[in-house]
Amino acid sequence: MSYYVTSVFTFKIESSFDEWVAIFDSEEAKKRHAEFDIKPLYRGVSKEDSQKVIVIHQAPEGNVQKFVEANGDWMATHRVDLSTMNETSWNDSL
């Protein structure tokens, strides 16, 4: 049985946060997230490093990883440095 996982991603961007967030909040991004039943909960920028971003999603287990695999090239065209991506996953129970 699939259950929802909260995923926390941090990564670097090669643009301004305002440029990146316009893409993240776009209708196209919303459609791509919906394809994988991903619900973005929060996105923000580091106070210490304006190139470091955090994104928190909730989705069925494994769906965020599938999203990144399917959309990695699209994400890279929006100046996301995929090599800096770090993920942690959280559940409300074991």
N, C-alpha and C. Protein backbone atom coordinates (compact mmCIF):
# COMPACT_ATOMS: atom_id res chain seq x y z
N MET A 1 0.84 -1.19 0.00
CA MET A 1 0.00 0.00 0.00
C MET A 1 0.88 1.24 0.00
N SER A 2 0.54 2.18 -0.82
CA SER A 2 1.28 3.44 -0.92
C SER A 2 0.83 4.40 0.16
N TYR A 3 1.78 5.14 0.69
CA TYR A 3 1.45 6.18 1.66
C TYR A 3 2.20 7.45 1.30
N TYR A 4 1.74 8.55 1.88
CA TYR A 4 2.34 9.84 1.57
C TYR A 4 3.60 10.06 2.38
N VAL A 5 4.60 10.63 1.71
CA VAL A 5 5.88 10.96 2.30
C VAL A 5 6.08 12.46 2.11
N THR A 6 6.65 13.10 3.11
CA THR A 6 7.05 14.49 2.99
C THR A 6 8.53 14.51 2.64
N SER A 7 8.87 15.13 1.53
CA SER A 7 10.26 15.19 1.06
C SER A 7 10.76 16.63 1.15
N VAL A 8 11.97 16.75 1.66
CA VAL A 8 12.62 18.05 1.77
C VAL A 8 13.84 18.04 0.84
N PHE A 9 13.83 18.92 -0.13
CA PHE A 9 14.93 19.03 -1.09
C PHE A 9 15.63 20.37 -0.89
N THR A 10 16.94 20.34 -0.95
CA THR A 10 17.73 21.57 -1.05
C THR A 10 18.61 21.45 -2.27
N PHE A 11 18.83 22.56 -2.93
CA PHE A 11 19.68 22.57 -4.12
C PHE A 11 20.05 24.00 -4.45
N LYS A 12 20.99 24.14 -5.36
CA LYS A 12 21.44 25.45 -5.81
C LYS A 12 20.77 25.79 -7.14
N ILE A 13 20.55 27.08 -7.33
CA ILE A 13 20.04 27.58 -8.60
C ILE A 13 21.09 28.52 -9.19
N GLU A 14 21.04 28.66 -10.50
CA GLU A 14 22.00 29.51 -11.21
C GLU A 14 21.32 30.76 -11.75
N SER A 15 20.27 31.18 -11.06
CA SER A 15 19.52 32.38 -11.43
C SER A 15 19.11 33.05 -10.13
N SER A 16 18.34 34.09 -10.22
CA SER A 16 17.81 34.70 -9.00
C SER A 16 16.65 33.84 -8.49
N PHE A 17 16.36 33.96 -7.21
CA PHE A 17 15.23 33.23 -6.64
C PHE A 17 13.93 33.66 -7.32
N ASP A 18 13.77 34.95 -7.58
CA ASP A 18 12.55 35.44 -8.22
C ASP A 18 12.34 34.80 -9.59
N GLU A 19 13.42 34.65 -10.37
CA GLU A 19 13.31 34.00 -11.67
C GLU A 19 12.92 32.53 -11.50
N TRP A 20 13.59 31.85 -10.57
CA TRP A 20 13.32 30.43 -10.36
C TRP A 20 11.90 30.21 -9.85
N VAL A 21 11.46 31.01 -8.88
CA VAL A 21 10.14 30.80 -8.28
C VAL A 21 9.01 31.07 -9.28
N ALA A 22 9.25 31.97 -10.22
CA ALA A 22 8.24 32.20 -11.27
C ALA A 22 8.01 30.92 -12.07
N ILE A 23 9.07 30.17 -12.31
CA ILE A 23 8.94 28.89 -13.01
C ILE A 23 8.29 27.85 -12.11
N PHE A 24 8.74 27.77 -10.86
CA PHE A 24 8.21 26.78 -9.93
C PHE A 24 6.70 26.97 -9.72
N ASP A 25 6.25 28.21 -9.68
CA ASP A 25 4.84 28.52 -9.46
C ASP A 25 4.02 28.57 -10.74
N SER A 26 4.63 28.28 -11.89
CA SER A 26 3.94 28.39 -13.18
C SER A 26 2.88 27.31 -13.35
N GLU A 27 1.98 27.55 -14.26
CA GLU A 27 0.93 26.57 -14.58
C GLU A 27 1.56 25.27 -15.11
N GLU A 28 2.61 25.39 -15.90
CA GLU A 28 3.26 24.19 -16.43
C GLU A 28 3.82 23.33 -15.29
N ALA A 29 4.47 23.96 -14.32
CA ALA A 29 5.01 23.21 -13.19
C ALA A 29 3.88 22.57 -12.37
N LYS A 30 2.78 23.29 -12.21
CA LYS A 30 1.64 22.73 -11.47
C LYS A 30 1.11 21.48 -12.16
N LYS A 31 1.04 21.51 -13.50
CA LYS A 31 0.57 20.35 -14.25
C LYS A 31 1.54 19.18 -14.10
N ARG A 32 2.84 19.47 -14.17
CA ARG A 32 3.85 18.42 -14.02
C ARG A 32 3.79 17.80 -12.63
N HIS A 33 3.62 18.62 -11.60
CA HIS A 33 3.49 18.09 -10.24
C HIS A 33 2.22 17.22 -10.12
N ALA A 34 1.13 17.70 -10.69
CA ALA A 34 -0.14 16.97 -10.60
C ALA A 34 -0.05 15.59 -11.25
N GLU A 35 0.75 15.46 -12.32
CA GLU A 35 0.91 14.15 -12.98
C GLU A 35 1.43 13.09 -12.01
N PHE A 36 2.18 13.52 -11.00
CA PHE A 36 2.77 12.58 -10.04
C PHE A 36 2.14 12.71 -8.65
N ASP A 37 0.98 13.39 -8.58
CA ASP A 37 0.26 13.58 -7.32
C ASP A 37 1.15 14.22 -6.25
N ILE A 38 1.92 15.21 -6.67
CA ILE A 38 2.84 15.92 -5.77
C ILE A 38 2.19 17.22 -5.34
N LYS A 39 2.19 17.45 -4.04
CA LYS A 39 1.64 18.67 -3.47
C LYS A 39 2.77 19.50 -2.87
N PRO A 40 3.20 20.56 -3.57
CA PRO A 40 4.22 21.43 -2.99
C PRO A 40 3.65 22.13 -1.74
N LEU A 41 4.39 22.08 -0.65
CA LEU A 41 3.96 22.68 0.61
C LEU A 41 4.68 23.99 0.90
N TYR A 42 5.95 24.07 0.48
CA TYR A 42 6.75 25.26 0.78
C TYR A 42 7.94 25.32 -0.16
N ARG A 43 8.32 26.53 -0.53
CA ARG A 43 9.57 26.77 -1.23
C ARG A 43 10.12 28.07 -0.71
N GLY A 44 11.44 28.10 -0.52
CA GLY A 44 12.06 29.30 0.02
C GLY A 44 13.53 29.37 -0.36
N VAL A 45 14.13 30.47 0.02
CA VAL A 45 15.54 30.71 -0.30
C VAL A 45 16.29 30.94 1.00
N SER A 46 17.52 30.48 1.05
CA SER A 46 18.37 30.62 2.23
C SER A 46 18.66 32.09 2.52
N LYS A 47 18.62 32.46 3.78
CA LYS A 47 18.98 33.82 4.18
C LYS A 47 20.48 34.05 4.01
N GLU A 48 21.28 32.97 4.10
CA GLU A 48 22.73 33.09 4.01
C GLU A 48 23.28 32.95 2.60
N ASP A 49 22.53 32.29 1.70
CA ASP A 49 23.01 32.01 0.36
C ASP A 49 21.85 32.14 -0.61
N SER A 50 21.82 33.21 -1.38
CA SER A 50 20.67 33.49 -2.26
C SER A 50 20.57 32.51 -3.43
N GLN A 51 21.51 31.61 -3.58
CA GLN A 51 21.46 30.60 -4.64
C GLN A 51 20.97 29.25 -4.11
N LYS A 52 20.76 29.13 -2.79
CA LYS A 52 20.33 27.86 -2.20
C LYS A 52 18.83 27.91 -1.92
N VAL A 53 18.13 26.89 -2.42
CA VAL A 53 16.68 26.83 -2.35
C VAL A 53 16.26 25.58 -1.57
N ILE A 54 15.12 25.68 -0.90
CA ILE A 54 14.51 24.53 -0.24
C ILE A 54 13.10 24.37 -0.81
N VAL A 55 12.73 23.10 -1.04
CA VAL A 55 11.38 22.78 -1.50
C VAL A 55 10.88 21.62 -0.65
N ILE A 56 9.67 21.75 -0.13
CA ILE A 56 9.05 20.68 0.65
C ILE A 56 7.79 20.24 -0.09
N HIS A 57 7.71 18.93 -0.37
CA HIS A 57 6.58 18.34 -1.09
C HIS A 57 5.95 17.24 -0.24
N GLN A 58 4.72 16.92 -0.55
CA GLN A 58 4.09 15.72 -0.05
C GLN A 58 3.56 14.95 -1.25
N ALA A 59 3.85 13.64 -1.27
CA ALA A 59 3.45 12.82 -2.42
C ALA A 59 3.48 11.35 -2.02
N PRO A 60 2.81 10.51 -2.80
CA PRO A 60 2.94 9.08 -2.55
C PRO A 60 4.41 8.66 -2.62
N GLU A 61 4.76 7.70 -1.81
CA GLU A 61 6.16 7.26 -1.73
C GLU A 61 6.72 6.97 -3.12
N GLY A 62 7.88 7.53 -3.42
CA GLY A 62 8.57 7.31 -4.68
C GLY A 62 8.19 8.26 -5.80
N ASN A 63 7.09 8.99 -5.67
CA ASN A 63 6.65 9.83 -6.77
C ASN A 63 7.54 11.04 -7.02
N VAL A 64 8.12 11.61 -5.98
CA VAL A 64 8.99 12.77 -6.19
C VAL A 64 10.23 12.34 -6.96
N GLN A 65 10.77 11.18 -6.62
CA GLN A 65 11.93 10.67 -7.34
C GLN A 65 11.58 10.40 -8.80
N LYS A 66 10.38 9.86 -9.05
CA LYS A 66 9.94 9.62 -10.42
C LYS A 66 9.79 10.95 -11.17
N PHE A 67 9.29 11.96 -10.48
CA PHE A 67 9.15 13.28 -11.07
C PHE A 67 10.51 13.83 -11.49
N VAL A 68 11.50 13.75 -10.59
CA VAL A 68 12.84 14.26 -10.89
C VAL A 68 13.45 13.49 -12.07
N GLU A 69 13.27 12.17 -12.10
CA GLU A 69 13.80 11.37 -13.21
C GLU A 69 13.14 11.78 -14.53
N ALA A 70 11.83 11.97 -14.51
CA ALA A 70 11.09 12.29 -15.72
C ALA A 70 11.29 13.74 -16.17
N ASN A 71 11.59 14.63 -15.23
CA ASN A 71 11.65 16.05 -15.54
C ASN A 71 13.02 16.69 -15.30
N GLY A 72 14.04 15.88 -15.09
CA GLY A 72 15.38 16.40 -14.82
C GLY A 72 15.89 17.34 -15.89
N ASP A 73 15.70 16.97 -17.15
CA ASP A 73 16.16 17.84 -18.25
C ASP A 73 15.41 19.17 -18.24
N TRP A 74 14.11 19.11 -18.00
CA TRP A 74 13.29 20.33 -17.93
C TRP A 74 13.75 21.20 -16.76
N MET A 75 14.01 20.57 -15.61
CA MET A 75 14.48 21.31 -14.44
C MET A 75 15.83 21.99 -14.72
N ALA A 76 16.72 21.28 -15.38
CA ALA A 76 18.05 21.82 -15.67
C ALA A 76 17.97 23.03 -16.60
N THR A 77 16.99 23.06 -17.50
CA THR A 77 16.86 24.21 -18.39
C THR A 77 16.42 25.45 -17.62
N HIS A 78 15.93 25.26 -16.41
CA HIS A 78 15.52 26.38 -15.56
C HIS A 78 16.58 26.72 -14.54
N ARG A 79 17.81 26.33 -14.87
CA ARG A 79 19.01 26.70 -14.11
C ARG A 79 19.02 26.13 -12.69
N VAL A 80 18.49 24.92 -12.54
CA VAL A 80 18.61 24.16 -11.30
C VAL A 80 19.87 23.32 -11.41
N ASP A 81 20.76 23.42 -10.45
CA ASP A 81 21.98 22.62 -10.44
C ASP A 81 21.67 21.27 -9.78
N LEU A 82 21.31 20.29 -10.59
CA LEU A 82 20.89 18.98 -10.07
C LEU A 82 22.00 18.29 -9.29
N SER A 83 23.25 18.63 -9.56
CA SER A 83 24.36 17.98 -8.85
C SER A 83 24.41 18.39 -7.38
N THR A 84 23.72 19.47 -7.01
CA THR A 84 23.72 19.93 -5.62
C THR A 84 22.49 19.47 -4.85
N MET A 85 21.61 18.70 -5.51
CA MET A 85 20.35 18.32 -4.89
C MET A 85 20.56 17.33 -3.74
N ASN A 86 19.95 17.66 -2.61
CA ASN A 86 19.98 16.80 -1.44
C ASN A 86 18.54 16.58 -0.99
N GLU A 87 18.19 15.34 -0.66
CA GLU A 87 16.82 15.01 -0.27
C GLU A 87 16.80 14.29 1.06
N THR A 88 15.83 14.64 1.89
CA THR A 88 15.49 13.86 3.07
C THR A 88 13.99 13.58 3.00
N SER A 89 13.59 12.43 3.52
CA SER A 89 12.18 12.02 3.49
C SER A 89 11.67 11.82 4.91
N TRP A 90 10.41 12.17 5.11
CA TRP A 90 9.81 12.15 6.44
C TRP A 90 8.44 11.50 6.39
N ASN A 91 8.14 10.68 7.39
CA ASN A 91 6.84 10.03 7.53
C ASN A 91 6.24 10.44 8.86
N ASP A 92 4.92 10.27 8.98
CA ASP A 92 4.30 10.57 10.27
C ASP A 92 4.24 9.33 11.18
N SER A 93 4.70 8.21 10.67
CA SER A 93 4.82 7.00 11.48
C SER A 93 5.80 6.04 10.80
N LEU A 94 6.27 5.05 11.57
CA LEU A 94 7.16 4.05 10.99
C LEU A 94 6.34 2.94 10.51
